[in-house]
C-alpha atoms as a PDB file:
ATOM      1  CA  MET A   1      42.212  -0.201 -54.985  1.00  0.00           C
ATOM      2  CA  THR A   2      40.295  -3.354 -56.201  1.00  0.00           C
ATOM      3  CA  PRO A   3      38.774  -5.629 -53.733  1.00  0.00           C
ATOM      4  CA  ALA A   4      40.900  -8.255 -55.570  1.00  0.00           C
ATOM      5  CA  ARG A   5      44.232  -6.400 -55.354  1.00  0.00           C
ATOM      6  CA  ASP A   6      43.194  -5.375 -51.610  1.00  0.00           C
ATOM      7  CA  PHE A   7      42.309  -9.114 -50.812  1.00  0.00           C
ATOM      8  CA  PHE A   8      46.268  -9.841 -52.465  1.00  0.00           C
ATOM      9  CA  ALA A   9      47.989  -6.957 -50.749  1.00  0.00           C
ATOM     10  CA  ALA A  10      46.945  -7.990 -47.228  1.00  0.00           C
ATOM     11  CA  LYS A  11      47.823 -11.346 -48.275  1.00  0.00           C
ATOM     12  CA  LEU A  12      51.196 -10.712 -48.766  1.00  0.00           C
ATOM     13  CA  ALA A  13      51.657  -9.324 -45.564  1.00  0.00           C
ATOM     14  CA  TYR A  14      50.834 -11.694 -43.343  1.00  0.00           C
ATOM     15  CA  GLU A  15      52.623 -14.724 -45.194  1.00  0.00           C
ATOM     16  CA  ILE A  16      56.078 -15.628 -46.204  1.00  0.00           C
ATOM     17  CA  ASP A  17      57.639 -18.422 -48.629  1.00  0.00           C
ATOM     18  CA  PRO A  18      60.679 -20.201 -47.545  1.00  0.00           C
ATOM     19  CA  ALA A  19      62.715 -18.649 -49.994  1.00  0.00           C
ATOM     20  CA  ASP A  20      61.454 -15.355 -48.496  1.00  0.00           C
ATOM     21  CA  LEU A  21      62.426 -16.269 -45.392  1.00  0.00           C
ATOM     22  CA  ALA A  22      65.744 -17.631 -45.861  1.00  0.00           C
ATOM     23  CA  ALA A  23      66.339 -14.458 -47.628  1.00  0.00           C
ATOM     24  CA  ALA A  24      65.626 -12.063 -45.071  1.00  0.00           C
ATOM     25  CA  ARG A  25      67.605 -14.062 -42.701  1.00  0.00           C
ATOM     26  CA  ALA A  26      70.461 -14.208 -45.003  1.00  0.00           C
ATOM     27  CA  ALA A  27      70.205 -10.514 -44.857  1.00  0.00           C
ATOM     28  CA  GLY A  28      70.158  -9.783 -41.419  1.00  0.00           C
ATOM     29  CA  ARG A  29      66.499  -9.364 -40.950  1.00  0.00           C
ATOM     30  CA  SER A  30      65.399 -12.206 -38.913  1.00  0.00           C
ATOM     31  CA  PRO A  31      62.177 -12.360 -37.417  1.00  0.00           C
ATOM     32  CA  ILE A  32      61.819 -14.418 -34.740  1.00  0.00           C
ATOM     33  CA  VAL A  33      60.361 -17.851 -35.796  1.00  0.00           C
ATOM     34  CA  VAL A  34      57.752 -19.857 -34.099  1.00  0.00           C
ATOM     35  CA  ASP A  35      57.446 -23.716 -34.288  1.00  0.00           C
ATOM     36  CA  THR A  36      54.009 -24.668 -32.721  1.00  0.00           C
ATOM     37  CA  ARG A  37      54.130 -28.629 -33.472  1.00  0.00           C
ATOM     38  CA  SER A  38      54.168 -31.262 -30.782  1.00  0.00           C
ATOM     39  CA  ALA A  39      57.335 -31.711 -29.046  1.00  0.00           C
ATOM     40  CA  GLU A  40      57.934 -35.086 -31.181  1.00  0.00           C
ATOM     41  CA  ALA A  41      57.884 -33.245 -33.968  1.00  0.00           C
ATOM     42  CA  PHE A  42      60.412 -30.361 -32.981  1.00  0.00           C
ATOM     43  CA  ASP A  43      62.728 -33.019 -31.866  1.00  0.00           C
ATOM     44  CA  GLN A  44      62.607 -34.951 -35.382  1.00  0.00           C
ATOM     45  CA  GLY A  45      63.513 -31.417 -37.310  1.00  0.00           C
ATOM     46  CA  HIS A  46      62.801 -27.717 -36.684  1.00  0.00           C
ATOM     47  CA  LEU A  47      63.886 -24.076 -38.599  1.00  0.00           C
ATOM     48  CA  PRO A  48      67.244 -23.230 -37.306  1.00  0.00           C
ATOM     49  CA  GLY A  49      67.005 -20.904 -34.027  1.00  0.00           C
ATOM     50  CA  ALA A  50      62.906 -21.421 -33.786  1.00  0.00           C
ATOM     51  CA  LEU A  51      61.172 -20.958 -30.855  1.00  0.00           C
ATOM     52  CA  HIS A  52      59.163 -24.297 -29.789  1.00  0.00           C
ATOM     53  CA  ILE A  53      55.552 -23.104 -28.554  1.00  0.00           C
ATOM     54  CA  PRO A  54      53.198 -25.427 -29.113  1.00  0.00           C
ATOM     55  CA  GLY A  55      49.898 -24.193 -30.440  1.00  0.00           C
ATOM     56  CA  PRO A  56      47.905 -25.353 -27.288  1.00  0.00           C
ATOM     57  CA  GLU A  57      50.436 -23.096 -25.178  1.00  0.00           C
ATOM     58  CA  LEU A  58      51.213 -20.153 -27.569  1.00  0.00           C
ATOM     59  CA  ALA A  59      48.477 -17.881 -25.596  1.00  0.00           C
ATOM     60  CA  GLN A  60      49.845 -18.834 -21.770  1.00  0.00           C
ATOM     61  CA  ARG A  61      53.483 -18.379 -23.013  1.00  0.00           C
ATOM     62  CA  ALA A  62      53.595 -15.904 -25.663  1.00  0.00           C
ATOM     63  CA  CYS A  63      53.909 -12.914 -23.262  1.00  0.00           C
ATOM     64  CA  ARG A  64      56.871 -14.519 -21.363  1.00  0.00           C
ATOM     65  CA  GLU A  65      58.708 -15.620 -24.690  1.00  0.00           C
ATOM     66  CA  LEU A  66      57.811 -13.199 -27.101  1.00  0.00           C
ATOM     67  CA  PRO A  67      57.712  -9.850 -24.537  1.00  0.00           C
ATOM     68  CA  ASP A  68      57.890  -7.379 -27.867  1.00  0.00           C
ATOM     69  CA  LEU A  69      54.123  -6.753 -29.439  1.00  0.00           C
ATOM     70  CA  ALA A  70      55.837  -4.860 -32.358  1.00  0.00           C
ATOM     71  CA  ALA A  71      58.373  -7.890 -33.264  1.00  0.00           C
ATOM     72  CA  ASP A  72      58.383  -9.083 -36.445  1.00  0.00           C
ATOM     73  CA  VAL A  73      57.368 -12.786 -35.790  1.00  0.00           C
ATOM     74  CA  VAL A  74      56.669 -15.815 -38.457  1.00  0.00           C
ATOM     75  CA  VAL A  75      54.653 -18.823 -37.303  1.00  0.00           C
ATOM     76  CA  TYR A  76      54.695 -22.490 -38.616  1.00  0.00           C
ATOM     77  CA  CYS A  77      53.090 -26.062 -38.270  1.00  0.00           C
ATOM     78  CA  TRP A  78      53.702 -29.047 -40.613  1.00  0.00           C
ATOM     79  CA  GLY A  79      52.978 -28.024 -43.913  1.00  0.00           C
ATOM     80  CA  PRO A  80      49.860 -26.848 -46.529  1.00  0.00           C
ATOM     81  CA  GLY A  81      47.680 -29.373 -44.811  1.00  0.00           C
ATOM     82  CA  CYS A  82      48.047 -27.912 -41.402  1.00  0.00           C
ATOM     83  CA  ASN A  83      46.469 -25.040 -40.004  1.00  0.00           C
ATOM     84  CA  GLY A  84      48.204 -24.901 -36.983  1.00  0.00           C
ATOM     85  CA  ALA A  85      50.371 -21.854 -37.764  1.00  0.00           C
ATOM     86  CA  THR A  86      47.153 -19.984 -39.007  1.00  0.00           C
ATOM     87  CA  LYS A  87      45.678 -20.477 -35.079  1.00  0.00           C
ATOM     88  CA  ALA A  88      48.844 -19.581 -33.892  1.00  0.00           C
ATOM     89  CA  ALA A  89      48.695 -16.295 -35.928  1.00  0.00           C
ATOM     90  CA  TYR A  90      45.514 -15.634 -35.283  1.00  0.00           C
ATOM     91  CA  THR A  91      46.173 -16.080 -31.339  1.00  0.00           C
ATOM     92  CA  LEU A  92      48.899 -14.121 -31.359  1.00  0.00           C
ATOM     93  CA  SER A  93      47.325 -11.171 -33.103  1.00  0.00           C
ATOM     94  CA  ASP A  94      44.234 -10.953 -30.932  1.00  0.00           C
ATOM     95  CA  MET A  95      46.787 -10.799 -28.109  1.00  0.00           C
ATOM     96  CA  GLY A  96      48.131  -7.499 -29.651  1.00  0.00           C
ATOM     97  CA  TYR A  97      50.701  -8.871 -31.604  1.00  0.00           C
ATOM     98  CA  GLY A  98      50.932  -6.206 -34.890  1.00  0.00           C
ATOM     99  CA  ARG A  99      53.410  -7.943 -37.073  1.00  0.00           C
ATOM    100  CA  VAL A 100      52.490 -11.767 -37.050  1.00  0.00           C
ATOM    101  CA  ARG A 101      53.022 -14.002 -40.442  1.00  0.00           C
ATOM    102  CA  GLU A 102      52.778 -17.632 -41.069  1.00  0.00           C
ATOM    103  CA  LEU A 103      55.272 -19.605 -43.085  1.00  0.00           C
ATOM    104  CA  LEU A 104      53.762 -20.949 -46.253  1.00  0.00           C
ATOM    105  CA  GLY A 105      53.968 -24.657 -46.634  1.00  0.00           C
ATOM    106  CA  GLY A 106      55.529 -25.028 -43.321  1.00  0.00           C
ATOM    107  CA  PHE A 107      58.247 -27.328 -42.062  1.00  0.00           C
ATOM    108  CA  GLU A 108      57.974 -29.683 -45.005  1.00  0.00           C
ATOM    109  CA  TYR A 109      58.042 -26.637 -47.876  1.00  0.00           C
ATOM    110  CA  TRP A 110      60.909 -25.441 -45.809  1.00  0.00           C
ATOM    111  CA  ALA A 111      62.749 -28.664 -46.385  1.00  0.00           C
ATOM    112  CA  ARG A 112      61.622 -29.636 -49.424  1.00  0.00           C
ATOM    113  CA  GLU A 113      63.576 -26.724 -50.723  1.00  0.00           C
ATOM    114  CA  GLY A 114      66.555 -27.847 -49.416  1.00  0.00           C
ATOM    115  CA  LEU A 115      67.049 -25.152 -46.167  1.00  0.00           C
ATOM    116  CA  SER A 116      68.492 -26.381 -43.050  1.00  0.00           C
ATOM    117  CA  VAL A 117      66.763 -28.321 -40.576  1.00  0.00           C
ATOM    118  CA  VAL A 118      68.444 -28.839 -36.831  1.00  0.00           C
ATOM    119  CA  THR A 119      66.923 -32.074 -35.041  1.00  0.00           C
ATOM    120  CA  GLY A 120      66.297 -32.106 -31.437  1.00  0.00           C
ATOM    121  CA  ASP A 121      69.786 -33.414 -30.183  1.00  0.00           C
ATOM    122  CA  GLY A 122      71.762 -30.532 -32.243  1.00  0.00           C
ATOM    123  CA  ARG A 123      72.387 -32.346 -35.402  1.00  0.00           C
ATOM    124  CA  ARG A 124      71.776 -29.755 -38.385  1.00  0.00           C
ATOM    125  CA  LEU A 125      70.921 -31.325 -41.922  1.00  0.00           C
ATOM    126  CA  ARG A 126      69.952 -30.457 -45.502  1.00  0.00           C
ATOM    127  CA  ARG A 127      68.027 -32.708 -48.012  1.00  0.00           C
ATOM    128  CA  PRO A 128      68.488 -32.211 -51.410  1.00  0.00           C
ATOM    129  CA  ALA A 129      65.952 -29.783 -52.881  1.00  0.00           C
ATOM    130  CA  ASP A 130      62.642 -30.872 -54.400  1.00  0.00           C
ATOM    131  CA  GLU A 131      63.201 -30.346 -58.217  1.00  0.00           C
ATOM    132  CA  LEU A 132      59.295 -29.722 -57.924  1.00  0.00           C
ATOM    133  CA  THR A 133      59.073 -27.041 -55.160  1.00  0.00           C
ATOM    134  CA  ALA A 134      62.298 -25.550 -54.993  1.00  0.00           C
ATOM    135  CA  VAL A 135      63.540 -21.685 -55.972  1.00  0.00           C
ATOM    136  CA  ARG A 136      66.649 -21.575 -57.118  1.00  0.00           C
ATOM    137  CA  LEU A 137      68.113 -18.621 -55.190  1.00  0.00           C
ATOM    138  CA  PRO A 138      70.854 -16.421 -57.424  1.00  0.00           C
END
């Protein structure tokens, strides 16, 4: 392998985009999804079924709420301008979790692709897909 190929292979192993996560869920391969944002952000909207574990609480809560170190875990924060998911992925990896990935684009790009979100009061919302960012699934 070349250094570039190694880099991109590793990158693909540790990242997932919204369309791929939605497709995996639709196919019954549902990783544990962890929202690392604040309670206020989580209540405004989050991915359906996401666990809410704010980044600063992750190290103390992970063993209790994510007991399987071999579980497939996807972490996310707000969007491309937020490194909360990177910090969370690092923390989980450092704790021994072996299958951790970051959601590319975070909550922002999940919503921009027109995928379903849930609010703190349980309402399910779906905004129209952003024509510039949404991937058209067959």
